[in-house]
Amino acid sequence: MILRIRSKEGMQRVSCDAGDLFGVIIKKILAKLNPRVDPGTLTVGSAESSASEPVAGLIHRSVADLGLKHGDIIYVKYKEEEGEPLSSTAISAAAAGSVPITPAKTSKVPTTPELPIDQELDKEEGLIPRKRSSLCRHGDRAMCEYCSPLPPWDKQYHEERNIKHISFHSHLKQLDESTNKATGGSYVAPLSQPNFKIDKHCTNGHEPWPRGICSKCQPSAITLQQQDFRMVDHVEFQNSALINEFIESWRYTGTQRFGYMYGTYQRYNATPLGVKAEVEAIYEPPQHDEQDGLTMDMEQVRKEMAQVDKLAEAMGLLRIGLIFTDLTDCGAGDGSVFCKRHKDSFFLSSLEVCMAARHQLAHPNVCKYSEQGFFSSKFVTCVISGNLQSEIDIASYQVSTGAEALVGADMITGSTHPSMAYINDTTSERYVPEIFYMKKNEYGLTVKENAKPAFPVDYLIVSLTHGFPLDTSEKKPLFATPADFPWANRQAMGQSQDYHELKRYLYAAATSGDFQQLQSKISNFHVLLYLYSLEVLSPQEWSLLVDAVKTGEDEKLFELVSTSGWQTLVMILQES
């Protein structure tokens, strides 16, 4: 697509793809502007009067995520600095977010910060302690090779505990140690997000693709292998009733269902420097469900989810993953379901791998150790299907950085064989190099196979563990057990959110004077979203409601029920 850039220097045009990060667009914009432009002052908007959005908060979002379409105009404002203009290297680094968007003589502009869990784990060594063994020949205060702590990436430790993948921070520390020991001096970023796209703006003295190509602008041959680390190690659903309520849609209609999961990322102690995704709520976007799949208007979904993301953020939650059902009843009348996904069929289909990769690309993981300022994603994919015992079960996955790069470069698509990904042909818009994968042949030897025309998607999948909290005494779920208030977008089940449903659910608790009962009722993700949509509460009263849910304090509830907005809500419910 073509985007038009309007600045005080006139109108320019830049080309891009819908999946490109906005940081890439910024790089192209800066290349077309005066070299003395101060990137730290760069602001953008959809109109000249509203071009006040700093680019620092947008560089890791995709063009599609920002709602930009072919022919749209981006209004740009900036200030110019005296002194040396920025070099092309500095512009590239600024656009990627790996360095502050500012020249030497200006103050630093903060980029998007890393997640708190990443900042916490970055400060730790993650060493694996070992007890003194029978081979030790030293005193209690000494240490030897038999009892000294192991590094967090120790292979034998993981194999003994059947941990298939090391954690991301273990992988990062292992890579950082080997990378920067080898340099012996200047620091080298140990991570780099793979990019398989051909450079259509190559400056190596030839016409751009497809009229010209060189070794600098074309991607190298790709060899796929299973990823040995994972960005998230475990998915933990804070309430089992949450899954039951999600599955209830399939039980009622017999059709499949899709939802986005909201929660936080926390420490996972079952693996060194581990991270777990704690799921607090599920939101189902508008969708048309069918027995063998579903369809969604992504433009409508994108607009609705942007609002839900904003409200969830006020509750301290992030969109951390997606979940969908793939269930077929066995017809035995005992609740058993068919087992479709196993080692002899597939775990994630090629279409689902592409879907997961697109979502991961849309939710990049900010990382200061990456050349680009971000690396892969913590976005997880969960599927509810039948297991080998014909029971309803959950499986959790991510896709590899290689899968993200293949989908980002439009090199693969789904095929009629769910376990195989089809490799696209080279066109004027994309260049597809040779792609290989490593496999064991009939003699047990590892050999390199040409992946064309299709290859097993297992090379792109990273499996995660999942479960429920074993002990809720230390940390209680943010929301109470899902109650009988309808979820959004469930009209197909005969459910709708309206004043009558809200009165049935909330009115008795709101007028009883029992704060414990009221606290339980308002501690519901879908109730909170619906209350916000009514626009009865002021922004300050809405914040007070959220604080009452997050803290669980009676004082907050007492302050809330004393507000004019809450009293207006009670009067509306009384008359409904």
Protein backbone atom coordinates (compact mmCIF):
# COMPACT_ATOMS: atom_id res chain seq x y z
CA MET A 1 0.00 0.00 0.00
CA ILE A 2 0.97 3.66 -0.38
CA LEU A 3 0.74 6.10 2.55
CA ARG A 4 0.90 9.85 1.97
CA ILE A 5 3.00 11.94 4.36
CA ARG A 6 2.05 15.61 4.80
CA SER A 7 4.61 17.85 6.54
CA LYS A 8 5.75 21.45 6.23
CA GLU A 9 8.06 20.25 3.45
CA GLY A 10 5.05 19.17 1.37
CA MET A 11 3.58 15.79 0.45
CA GLN A 12 5.66 12.62 0.14
CA ARG A 13 4.68 8.99 -0.39
CA VAL A 14 6.01 5.83 1.24
CA SER A 15 5.22 2.23 0.37
CA CYS A 16 4.61 -0.44 3.00
CA ASP A 17 2.76 -3.64 3.83
CA ALA A 18 -0.12 -3.94 6.29
CA GLY A 19 2.03 -6.08 8.58
CA ASP A 20 4.97 -3.63 8.70
CA LEU A 21 5.73 -2.06 12.06
CA PHE A 22 5.18 1.69 12.26
CA GLY A 23 8.85 2.04 13.17
CA VAL A 24 9.66 0.99 9.60
CA ILE A 25 7.39 3.77 8.31
CA ILE A 26 9.12 6.29 10.58
CA LYS A 27 12.47 5.28 9.12
CA LYS A 28 11.17 5.91 5.60
CA ILE A 29 9.62 9.24 6.65
CA LEU A 30 12.85 10.45 8.26
CA ALA A 31 14.77 9.54 5.10
CA LYS A 32 12.53 11.89 3.08
CA LEU A 33 12.68 14.84 5.50
CA ASN A 34 15.32 17.44 6.24
CA PRO A 35 18.39 15.69 7.78
CA ARG A 36 18.28 18.11 10.71
CA VAL A 37 14.86 16.89 11.86
CA ASP A 38 14.89 16.02 15.57
CA PRO A 39 13.20 12.58 15.74
CA GLY A 40 12.56 13.15 19.43
CA THR A 41 10.01 15.83 18.55
CA LEU A 42 8.29 13.83 15.79
CA THR A 43 4.51 13.63 16.26
CA VAL A 44 1.85 12.28 13.93
CA GLY A 45 -1.92 12.31 13.50
CA SER A 46 -4.78 11.75 11.08
CA ALA A 47 -5.37 15.52 10.74
CA GLU A 48 -3.10 18.55 10.91
CA SER A 49 -4.83 19.82 14.02
CA SER A 50 -4.43 16.49 15.83
CA ALA A 51 -0.86 15.60 14.78
CA SER A 52 0.35 15.48 18.38
CA GLU A 53 0.82 11.74 19.01
CA PRO A 54 4.51 10.99 19.84
CA VAL A 55 5.88 8.25 17.59
CA ALA A 56 7.76 6.59 20.49
CA GLY A 57 4.58 4.84 21.60
CA LEU A 58 3.65 3.66 18.09
CA ILE A 59 6.86 2.19 16.66
CA HIS A 60 6.10 -1.38 17.77
CA ARG A 61 2.53 -1.41 16.40
CA SER A 62 1.76 -2.62 12.90
CA VAL A 63 0.29 -0.52 10.09
CA ALA A 64 -2.88 -2.64 10.16
CA ASP A 65 -3.17 -2.34 13.93
CA LEU A 66 -3.17 1.46 13.60
CA GLY A 67 -6.03 1.23 11.07
CA LEU A 68 -4.05 2.73 8.19
CA LYS A 69 -5.21 1.92 4.67
CA HIS A 70 -3.95 2.47 1.13
CA GLY A 71 -3.93 6.19 0.29
CA ASP A 72 -4.30 7.46 3.88
CA ILE A 73 -2.60 10.72 4.81
CA ILE A 74 -0.37 10.89 7.89
CA TYR A 75 0.24 14.43 9.13
CA VAL A 76 3.71 14.90 10.60
CA LYS A 77 5.05 17.68 12.82
CA TYR A 78 8.59 18.11 14.14
CA LYS A 79 11.31 20.51 15.18
CA GLU A 80 14.74 20.93 13.66
CA GLU A 81 17.99 20.89 15.62
CA GLU A 82 21.25 22.75 15.10
CA GLY A 83 24.43 20.68 14.83
CA GLU A 84 25.29 17.44 13.07
CA PRO A 85 22.41 15.76 11.22
CA LEU A 86 21.52 12.17 12.09
CA SER A 87 23.27 9.41 10.15
CA SER A 88 21.29 6.74 8.35
CA THR A 89 22.43 4.22 10.98
CA ALA A 90 21.09 6.39 13.78
CA ILE A 91 17.80 6.87 11.93
CA SER A 92 17.41 3.10 11.50
CA ALA A 93 18.16 2.46 15.16
CA ALA A 94 15.77 5.21 16.25
CA ALA A 95 12.95 3.87 14.10
CA ALA A 96 13.49 0.35 15.46
CA GLY A 97 13.26 1.64 19.01
CA SER A 98 16.62 0.15 20.03
CA VAL A 99 17.98 3.59 20.93
CA PRO A 100 16.16 6.75 22.09
CA ILE A 101 14.69 8.76 19.23
CA THR A 102 16.88 11.79 19.73
CA PRO A 103 20.15 13.31 18.43
CA ALA A 104 23.11 13.83 20.73
CA LYS A 105 22.27 17.40 21.78
CA THR A 106 18.67 16.77 22.90
CA SER A 107 17.22 15.05 25.93
CA LYS A 108 16.28 11.39 25.70
CA VAL A 109 12.76 10.37 24.74
CA PRO A 110 11.71 7.17 26.57
CA THR A 111 10.76 4.24 24.37
CA THR A 112 8.17 1.62 25.26
CA PRO A 113 9.38 -0.02 28.50
CA GLU A 114 9.90 -3.72 28.95
CA LEU A 115 7.29 -5.68 30.88
CA PRO A 116 7.80 -5.67 34.67
CA ILE A 117 8.45 -9.44 34.66
CA ASP A 118 11.27 -8.97 32.14
CA GLN A 119 12.80 -6.19 34.22
CA GLU A 120 12.60 -8.41 37.30
CA LEU A 121 14.15 -11.52 35.71
CA ASP A 122 16.85 -9.47 33.97
CA LYS A 123 18.33 -8.64 37.38
CA GLU A 124 18.65 -12.29 38.41
CA GLU A 125 21.31 -14.83 37.49
CA GLY A 126 18.89 -17.76 37.70
CA LEU A 127 21.58 -20.20 38.85
CA ILE A 128 20.34 -23.70 39.70
CA PRO A 129 21.54 -24.62 43.23
CA ARG A 130 22.90 -28.12 43.93
CA LYS A 131 23.35 -29.94 47.22
CA ARG A 132 26.65 -31.33 48.37
CA SER A 133 27.19 -34.82 46.92
CA SER A 134 29.20 -37.89 47.96
CA LEU A 135 31.92 -36.86 45.53
CA CYS A 136 32.64 -33.62 47.35
CA ARG A 137 35.92 -33.54 49.33
CA HIS A 138 35.72 -30.11 50.94
CA GLY A 139 34.29 -28.32 53.92
CA ASP A 140 30.81 -26.90 54.38
CA ARG A 141 31.81 -23.43 53.19
CA ALA A 142 33.57 -24.57 50.03
CA MET A 143 32.27 -25.54 46.63
CA CYS A 144 33.46 -27.75 43.78
CA GLU A 145 32.42 -28.89 40.31
CA TYR A 146 30.04 -31.45 41.82
CA CYS A 147 28.01 -29.02 43.92
CA SER A 148 28.49 -25.59 42.33
CA PRO A 149 25.30 -24.02 40.90
CA LEU A 150 24.41 -24.81 37.32
CA PRO A 151 23.60 -22.15 34.71
CA PRO A 152 19.84 -21.74 34.08
CA TRP A 153 20.17 -23.23 30.59
CA ASP A 154 21.78 -26.51 31.73
CA LYS A 155 20.62 -29.19 29.29
CA GLN A 156 20.85 -32.18 31.62
CA TYR A 157 18.78 -30.42 34.30
CA HIS A 158 15.97 -29.82 31.82
CA GLU A 159 16.11 -33.34 30.39
CA GLU A 160 15.89 -34.92 33.85
CA ARG A 161 12.72 -32.93 34.54
CA ASN A 162 11.25 -33.42 31.09
CA ILE A 163 11.29 -29.69 30.34
CA LYS A 164 11.27 -29.47 26.53
CA HIS A 165 12.24 -25.82 26.18
CA ILE A 166 14.42 -23.52 28.24
CA SER A 167 12.89 -20.22 29.29
CA PHE A 168 13.45 -17.07 27.26
CA HIS A 169 15.59 -15.40 29.92
CA SER A 170 17.74 -18.53 30.26
CA HIS A 171 18.22 -18.51 26.49
CA LEU A 172 18.98 -14.78 26.57
CA LYS A 173 21.63 -15.11 29.29
CA GLN A 174 23.25 -18.07 27.50
CA LEU A 175 23.36 -16.14 24.23
CA ASP A 176 24.55 -12.94 25.89
CA GLU A 177 27.41 -14.77 27.62
CA SER A 178 28.65 -16.45 24.43
CA THR A 179 28.15 -13.35 22.25
CA ASN A 180 29.83 -10.79 24.45
CA LYS A 181 32.62 -13.06 25.70
CA ALA A 182 33.59 -13.54 22.07
CA THR A 183 33.70 -9.80 21.35
CA GLY A 184 36.03 -9.13 24.24
CA GLY A 185 35.19 -5.43 24.20
CA SER A 186 32.24 -3.51 22.78
CA TYR A 187 28.76 -4.77 23.59
CA VAL A 188 26.85 -6.64 20.86
CA ALA A 189 23.09 -7.12 21.08
CA PRO A 190 22.67 -10.92 21.38
CA LEU A 191 19.20 -11.03 19.81
CA SER A 192 17.92 -10.09 16.38
CA GLN A 193 14.38 -10.61 15.14
CA PRO A 194 14.51 -12.73 11.96
CA ASN A 195 13.39 -10.92 8.82
CA PHE A 196 12.87 -12.92 5.61
CA LYS A 197 11.54 -10.03 3.49
CA ILE A 198 13.43 -8.85 0.44
CA ASP A 199 14.68 -5.26 0.74
CA LYS A 200 12.79 -3.31 -1.94
CA HIS A 201 14.84 -0.20 -1.17
CA CYS A 202 18.31 -1.67 -1.63
CA THR A 203 20.97 0.96 -2.35
CA ASN A 204 23.50 -1.42 -3.87
CA GLY A 205 23.42 0.12 -7.36
CA HIS A 206 20.58 -1.84 -9.01
CA GLU A 207 16.88 -1.41 -9.67
CA PRO A 208 14.59 -2.58 -6.87
CA TRP A 209 12.94 -5.99 -6.89
CA PRO A 210 11.52 -7.44 -9.14
CA ARG A 211 13.68 -5.68 -11.76
CA GLY A 212 16.90 -6.24 -9.85
CA ILE A 213 18.33 -8.26 -6.98
CA CYS A 214 21.65 -8.78 -5.18
CA SER A 215 23.03 -10.80 -2.29
CA LYS A 216 22.57 -7.84 0.03
CA CYS A 217 18.84 -7.35 -0.44
CA GLN A 218 17.65 -10.94 -0.91
CA PRO A 219 17.03 -13.20 2.09
CA SER A 220 19.45 -16.09 2.52
CA ALA A 221 18.43 -19.73 2.31
CA ILE A 222 16.33 -20.73 5.34
CA THR A 223 16.87 -23.87 7.38
CA LEU A 224 14.02 -24.63 9.77
CA GLN A 225 14.59 -26.38 13.06
CA GLN A 226 12.56 -26.69 16.20
CA GLN A 227 13.08 -23.79 18.59
CA ASP A 228 14.73 -24.79 21.86
CA PHE A 229 13.41 -21.89 23.96
CA ARG A 230 9.99 -20.39 24.59
CA MET A 231 8.89 -16.87 25.44
CA VAL A 232 6.24 -18.14 27.90
CA ASP A 233 6.60 -21.42 29.77
CA HIS A 234 3.16 -21.95 31.31
CA VAL A 235 -0.44 -20.78 30.96
CA GLU A 236 -2.37 -20.60 34.22
CA PHE A 237 -6.14 -20.08 34.24
CA GLN A 238 -7.03 -18.34 37.48
CA ASN A 239 -10.46 -19.93 37.65
CA SER A 240 -11.62 -23.27 36.23
CA ALA A 241 -15.16 -21.90 35.94
CA LEU A 242 -13.82 -19.45 33.34
CA ILE A 243 -13.09 -22.33 30.94
CA ASN A 244 -16.43 -23.98 31.69
CA GLU A 245 -18.27 -20.78 30.82
CA PHE A 246 -16.32 -20.44 27.58
CA ILE A 247 -17.13 -24.04 26.58
CA GLU A 248 -20.79 -23.47 27.46
CA SER A 249 -21.30 -21.75 24.12
CA TRP A 250 -20.32 -24.96 22.27
CA ARG A 251 -22.52 -27.07 24.57
CA TYR A 252 -25.49 -24.83 23.84
CA THR A 253 -25.08 -24.32 20.07
CA GLY A 254 -22.80 -27.13 18.89
CA THR A 255 -20.67 -24.55 17.07
CA GLN A 256 -17.08 -23.47 17.71
CA ARG A 257 -16.08 -20.36 19.65
CA PHE A 258 -13.13 -17.94 19.69
CA GLY A 259 -11.99 -15.57 22.42
CA TYR A 260 -9.12 -13.36 23.54
CA MET A 261 -7.55 -13.94 26.95
CA TYR A 262 -6.70 -11.10 29.32
CA GLY A 263 -4.31 -11.32 32.25
CA THR A 264 -0.73 -10.67 33.28
CA TYR A 265 2.73 -12.24 33.00
CA GLN A 266 4.25 -13.50 36.22
CA ARG A 267 7.22 -15.54 37.45
CA TYR A 268 7.00 -19.32 36.93
CA ASN A 269 9.18 -21.21 39.39
CA ALA A 270 8.92 -24.67 37.82
CA THR A 271 11.71 -23.79 35.39
CA PRO A 272 14.72 -21.46 35.83
CA LEU A 273 13.81 -17.84 35.05
CA GLY A 274 10.41 -19.00 33.84
CA VAL A 275 7.42 -16.86 32.85
CA LYS A 276 3.76 -17.79 33.04
CA ALA A 277 0.69 -16.17 31.52
CA GLU A 278 -2.01 -15.78 34.18
CA VAL A 279 -5.46 -15.67 32.53
CA GLU A 280 -8.03 -13.62 34.44
CA ALA A 281 -10.75 -13.18 31.81
CA ILE A 282 -11.86 -14.15 28.30
CA TYR A 283 -13.59 -11.81 25.85
CA GLU A 284 -15.37 -13.13 22.77
CA PRO A 285 -15.29 -10.68 19.82
CA PRO A 286 -18.11 -10.49 17.24
CA GLN A 287 -18.10 -13.73 15.23
CA HIS A 288 -20.21 -16.10 13.18
CA ASP A 289 -19.78 -19.59 14.59
CA GLU A 290 -20.05 -22.81 12.59
CA GLN A 291 -19.67 -26.50 13.43
CA ASP A 292 -16.25 -26.76 11.78
CA GLY A 293 -14.91 -23.25 12.29
CA LEU A 294 -15.93 -19.60 12.43
CA THR A 295 -15.67 -16.33 10.52
CA MET A 296 -15.01 -12.80 11.76
CA ASP A 297 -15.06 -9.31 10.28
CA MET A 298 -11.56 -8.32 11.35
CA GLU A 299 -12.16 -4.60 10.85
CA GLN A 300 -15.10 -4.75 13.26
CA VAL A 301 -13.13 -6.94 15.66
CA ARG A 302 -10.14 -4.60 15.58
CA LYS A 303 -12.24 -1.57 16.55
CA GLU A 304 -14.07 -3.37 19.36
CA MET A 305 -10.93 -4.98 20.78
CA ALA A 306 -9.10 -1.63 20.86
CA GLN A 307 -11.76 -0.37 23.29
CA VAL A 308 -11.65 -3.58 25.36
CA ASP A 309 -7.83 -3.38 25.50
CA LYS A 310 -8.08 0.16 26.84
CA LEU A 311 -10.55 -0.79 29.58
CA ALA A 312 -8.60 -3.94 30.48
CA GLU A 313 -5.44 -1.84 30.85
CA ALA A 314 -7.23 0.26 33.47
CA MET A 315 -7.77 -3.00 35.39
CA GLY A 316 -4.07 -3.84 35.11
CA LEU A 317 -4.62 -6.48 32.42
CA LEU A 318 -3.10 -7.12 28.99
CA ARG A 319 -4.39 -9.09 26.03
CA ILE A 320 -2.08 -12.07 26.45
CA GLY A 321 -3.44 -14.69 24.07
CA LEU A 322 -6.25 -16.28 22.11
CA ILE A 323 -8.34 -19.37 22.78
CA PHE A 324 -10.71 -21.34 20.57
CA THR A 325 -12.65 -24.60 20.58
CA ASP A 326 -12.40 -27.53 18.18
CA LEU A 327 -14.93 -29.93 19.67
CA THR A 328 -17.15 -32.64 18.19
CA ASP A 329 -19.43 -34.70 20.42
CA CYS A 330 -19.03 -38.48 20.15
CA GLY A 331 -22.79 -38.96 20.41
CA ALA A 332 -22.47 -41.41 23.31
CA GLY A 333 -24.48 -39.20 25.64
CA ASP A 334 -21.71 -39.15 28.27
CA GLY A 335 -20.02 -35.89 27.28
CA SER A 336 -17.15 -37.58 25.43
CA VAL A 337 -15.67 -35.83 22.38
CA PHE A 338 -13.59 -36.93 19.42
CA CYS A 339 -9.80 -36.78 19.66
CA LYS A 340 -8.69 -34.95 16.51
CA ARG A 341 -5.29 -33.65 17.53
CA HIS A 342 -2.49 -36.10 18.30
CA LYS A 343 1.01 -37.04 17.12
CA ASP A 344 -0.31 -38.92 14.09
CA SER A 345 -2.52 -36.05 12.85
CA PHE A 346 -1.65 -32.50 13.97
CA PHE A 347 -1.53 -30.31 17.06
CA LEU A 348 -2.03 -26.93 15.37
CA SER A 349 -3.11 -26.84 11.74
CA SER A 350 -1.14 -24.81 9.22
CA LEU A 351 -3.93 -22.21 9.12
CA GLU A 352 -3.85 -21.93 12.91
CA VAL A 353 -0.06 -21.57 12.89
CA CYS A 354 -0.39 -18.64 10.47
CA MET A 355 -3.11 -17.11 12.66
CA ALA A 356 -0.95 -17.47 15.78
CA ALA A 357 2.04 -15.94 13.97
CA ARG A 358 0.01 -12.91 12.86
CA HIS A 359 -1.18 -12.32 16.41
CA GLN A 360 2.35 -12.65 17.77
CA LEU A 361 3.60 -10.14 15.18
CA ALA A 362 0.84 -7.75 16.26
CA HIS A 363 1.92 -8.08 19.93
CA PRO A 364 5.76 -7.81 19.87
CA ASN A 365 7.79 -8.34 23.03
CA VAL A 366 9.82 -5.23 23.89
CA CYS A 367 13.41 -6.27 24.56
CA LYS A 368 16.45 -4.04 25.11
CA TYR A 369 18.77 -6.91 24.14
CA SER A 370 17.49 -7.03 20.57
CA GLU A 371 18.91 -5.05 17.66
CA GLN A 372 15.39 -3.96 16.72
CA GLY A 373 14.23 -3.12 20.25
CA PHE A 374 11.77 -6.01 20.27
CA PHE A 375 12.01 -9.78 20.00
CA SER A 376 9.28 -12.33 19.26
CA SER A 377 6.14 -12.19 21.43
CA LYS A 378 4.58 -13.45 24.66
CA PHE A 379 1.18 -13.88 22.99
CA VAL A 380 -0.06 -17.47 23.53
CA THR A 381 -2.53 -19.70 21.66
CA CYS A 382 -4.80 -22.17 23.47
CA VAL A 383 -7.06 -24.74 21.82
CA ILE A 384 -9.81 -26.71 23.56
CA SER A 385 -10.32 -30.09 21.96
CA GLY A 386 -10.62 -33.80 22.78
CA ASN A 387 -7.66 -35.71 24.22
CA LEU A 388 -6.75 -39.39 23.82
CA GLN A 389 -9.24 -40.28 26.58
CA SER A 390 -12.04 -38.47 24.66
CA GLU A 391 -12.17 -35.83 27.38
CA ILE A 392 -12.32 -32.08 26.82
CA ASP A 393 -8.79 -30.73 27.38
CA ILE A 394 -6.70 -27.61 26.79
CA ALA A 395 -3.44 -27.43 24.84
CA SER A 396 -1.23 -24.33 24.84
CA TYR A 397 1.25 -23.24 22.19
CA GLN A 398 3.29 -20.46 20.67
CA VAL A 399 4.94 -20.40 17.26
CA SER A 400 8.65 -19.86 16.71
CA THR A 401 10.44 -16.72 15.61
CA GLY A 402 10.97 -18.50 12.27
CA ALA A 403 7.20 -18.87 11.89
CA GLU A 404 6.75 -15.17 12.62
CA ALA A 405 9.30 -14.27 9.96
CA LEU A 406 7.82 -16.66 7.35
CA VAL A 407 4.30 -15.28 7.87
CA GLY A 408 5.56 -11.69 8.04
CA ALA A 409 7.24 -12.16 4.65
CA ASP A 410 4.12 -13.91 3.24
CA MET A 411 6.13 -17.03 2.42
CA ILE A 412 3.71 -19.68 3.74
CA THR A 413 -0.02 -20.35 3.75
CA GLY A 414 -2.28 -23.08 5.05
CA SER A 415 -2.88 -26.22 3.01
CA THR A 416 -5.55 -28.91 2.68
CA HIS A 417 -3.31 -31.12 4.83
CA PRO A 418 -3.54 -29.57 8.31
CA SER A 419 -0.10 -30.79 9.36
CA MET A 420 1.66 -29.26 6.32
CA ALA A 421 2.38 -25.61 5.51
CA TYR A 422 2.45 -24.69 1.81
CA ILE A 423 5.34 -22.53 0.56
CA ASN A 424 4.23 -19.67 -1.66
CA ASP A 425 5.78 -18.94 -5.04
CA THR A 426 8.05 -15.99 -5.73
CA THR A 427 6.15 -13.00 -7.17
CA SER A 428 6.82 -9.36 -7.93
CA GLU A 429 5.86 -8.59 -4.32
CA ARG A 430 7.87 -11.28 -2.53
CA TYR A 431 11.04 -13.28 -3.01
CA VAL A 432 11.04 -16.81 -1.59
CA PRO A 433 14.52 -18.32 -1.17
CA GLU A 434 15.37 -21.99 -0.76
CA ILE A 435 13.81 -23.40 2.40
CA PHE A 436 15.08 -26.55 4.11
CA TYR A 437 14.30 -28.47 7.28
CA MET A 438 16.23 -31.07 9.27
CA LYS A 439 14.73 -34.54 9.77
CA LYS A 440 15.78 -38.03 10.77
CA ASN A 441 15.65 -40.53 7.91
CA GLU A 442 14.82 -44.24 8.05
CA TYR A 443 18.39 -44.97 9.19
CA GLY A 444 18.19 -42.58 12.15
CA LEU A 445 20.50 -40.03 10.54
CA THR A 446 19.76 -36.30 10.57
CA VAL A 447 19.50 -35.06 7.00
CA LYS A 448 18.52 -31.78 5.34
CA GLU A 449 15.32 -31.91 3.26
CA ASN A 450 14.05 -29.36 0.73
CA ALA A 451 10.83 -27.97 2.21
CA LYS A 452 9.12 -27.14 -1.10
CA PRO A 453 6.27 -27.42 -1.88
CA ALA A 454 5.19 -28.07 1.75
CA PHE A 455 6.73 -29.01 5.09
CA PRO A 456 5.48 -30.19 8.53
CA VAL A 457 4.28 -27.35 10.74
CA ASP A 458 5.75 -29.14 13.77
CA TYR A 459 8.97 -27.26 13.01
CA LEU A 460 7.16 -24.00 13.77
CA ILE A 461 5.35 -24.98 16.98
CA VAL A 462 6.52 -24.45 20.57
CA SER A 463 4.49 -26.30 23.20
CA LEU A 464 3.62 -24.81 26.60
CA THR A 465 2.27 -26.37 29.77
CA HIS A 466 -1.00 -25.22 31.33
CA GLY A 467 -2.98 -25.63 34.53
CA PHE A 468 -4.84 -23.97 37.39
CA PRO A 469 -3.49 -22.42 40.62
CA LEU A 470 -2.63 -25.04 43.23
CA ASP A 471 -2.84 -22.57 46.09
CA THR A 472 -5.09 -19.49 45.92
CA SER A 473 -4.36 -18.38 49.50
CA GLU A 474 -1.35 -16.29 48.46
CA LYS A 475 -2.94 -14.65 45.43
CA LYS A 476 -6.66 -14.61 44.74
CA PRO A 477 -8.08 -14.23 41.21
CA LEU A 478 -8.89 -10.65 40.24
CA PHE A 479 -12.46 -11.62 39.37
CA ALA A 480 -14.88 -13.79 41.31
CA THR A 481 -16.24 -17.06 39.92
CA PRO A 482 -18.00 -16.18 36.63
CA ALA A 483 -21.64 -15.56 37.50
CA ASP A 484 -24.81 -15.60 35.43
CA PHE A 485 -24.34 -12.26 33.67
CA PRO A 486 -24.27 -12.72 29.87
CA TRP A 487 -20.99 -12.40 28.02
CA ALA A 488 -20.79 -9.96 25.12
CA ASN A 489 -21.63 -11.04 21.55
CA ARG A 490 -23.62 -14.14 22.56
CA GLN A 491 -26.83 -13.35 20.71
CA ALA A 492 -26.68 -16.77 19.00
CA MET A 493 -27.18 -18.34 22.44
CA GLY A 494 -30.21 -16.16 23.08
CA GLN A 495 -28.25 -14.01 25.53
CA SER A 496 -27.95 -10.24 25.43
CA GLN A 497 -26.60 -7.56 27.71
CA ASP A 498 -29.30 -5.02 28.63
CA TYR A 499 -30.78 -3.15 31.60
CA HIS A 500 -33.13 -6.04 32.47
CA GLU A 501 -30.24 -8.49 32.71
CA LEU A 502 -28.19 -5.99 34.72
CA LYS A 503 -31.12 -5.42 37.13
CA ARG A 504 -31.61 -9.16 37.62
CA TYR A 505 -27.90 -9.59 38.28
CA LEU A 506 -26.94 -6.47 40.28
CA TYR A 507 -29.94 -4.61 41.75
CA ALA A 508 -30.46 -6.75 44.87
CA ALA A 509 -26.79 -6.55 45.81
CA ALA A 510 -26.62 -2.83 45.05
CA THR A 511 -29.50 -2.06 47.45
CA SER A 512 -28.81 -4.64 50.18
CA GLY A 513 -26.06 -2.74 51.99
CA ASP A 514 -24.02 -5.95 52.03
CA PHE A 515 -20.64 -4.86 50.68
CA GLN A 516 -19.32 -8.42 50.50
CA GLN A 517 -22.20 -9.42 48.22
CA LEU A 518 -21.79 -6.29 46.10
CA GLN A 519 -18.03 -6.85 45.83
CA SER A 520 -18.64 -10.36 44.50
CA LYS A 521 -21.13 -9.08 41.90
CA ILE A 522 -19.03 -6.26 40.49
CA SER A 523 -15.89 -8.46 40.37
CA ASN A 524 -16.85 -9.59 36.89
CA PHE A 525 -14.98 -8.59 33.74
CA HIS A 526 -18.09 -8.51 31.54
CA VAL A 527 -20.17 -6.56 34.07
CA LEU A 528 -17.45 -3.92 34.29
CA LEU A 529 -17.27 -3.57 30.50
CA TYR A 530 -21.05 -3.26 30.24
CA LEU A 531 -21.22 -0.67 33.05
CA TYR A 532 -18.64 1.41 31.20
CA SER A 533 -20.65 1.20 27.96
CA LEU A 534 -23.72 2.67 29.70
CA GLU A 535 -21.83 5.97 30.24
CA VAL A 536 -23.67 6.54 33.53
CA LEU A 537 -20.53 6.73 35.64
CA SER A 538 -18.09 9.61 35.22
CA PRO A 539 -14.42 8.82 34.47
CA GLN A 540 -13.58 9.39 38.13
CA GLU A 541 -16.42 7.10 39.28
CA TRP A 542 -15.38 4.43 36.77
CA SER A 543 -11.82 4.55 38.14
CA LEU A 544 -13.24 4.24 41.66
CA LEU A 545 -15.23 1.16 40.58
CA VAL A 546 -12.12 -0.45 39.11
CA ASP A 547 -10.11 0.34 42.26
CA ALA A 548 -12.84 -1.26 44.39
CA VAL A 549 -12.56 -4.46 42.32
CA LYS A 550 -8.75 -4.51 42.32
CA THR A 551 -8.29 -3.78 46.03
CA GLY A 552 -11.39 -5.48 47.47
CA GLU A 553 -11.56 -2.75 50.12
CA ASP A 554 -14.92 -1.84 51.70
CA GLU A 555 -13.79 1.79 51.94
CA LYS A 556 -13.57 2.01 48.15
CA LEU A 557 -17.05 0.47 47.79
CA PHE A 558 -18.50 2.87 50.35
CA GLU A 559 -17.00 5.80 48.45
CA LEU A 560 -18.36 4.38 45.17
CA VAL A 561 -21.97 3.88 46.33
CA SER A 562 -21.97 7.43 47.67
CA THR A 563 -21.31 8.95 44.25
CA SER A 564 -24.09 10.54 42.19
CA GLY A 565 -23.30 8.33 39.19
CA TRP A 566 -23.79 5.10 41.14
CA GLN A 567 -27.03 6.38 42.68
CA THR A 568 -28.24 7.30 39.18
CA LEU A 569 -27.43 3.76 38.02
CA VAL A 570 -29.44 2.27 40.90
CA MET A 571 -32.43 4.51 40.03
CA ILE A 572 -32.26 3.42 36.37
CA LEU A 573 -32.24 -0.24 37.40
CA GLN A 574 -35.14 0.32 39.78
CA GLU A 575 -37.28 1.71 36.94
CA SER A 576 -36.22 -0.93 34.37
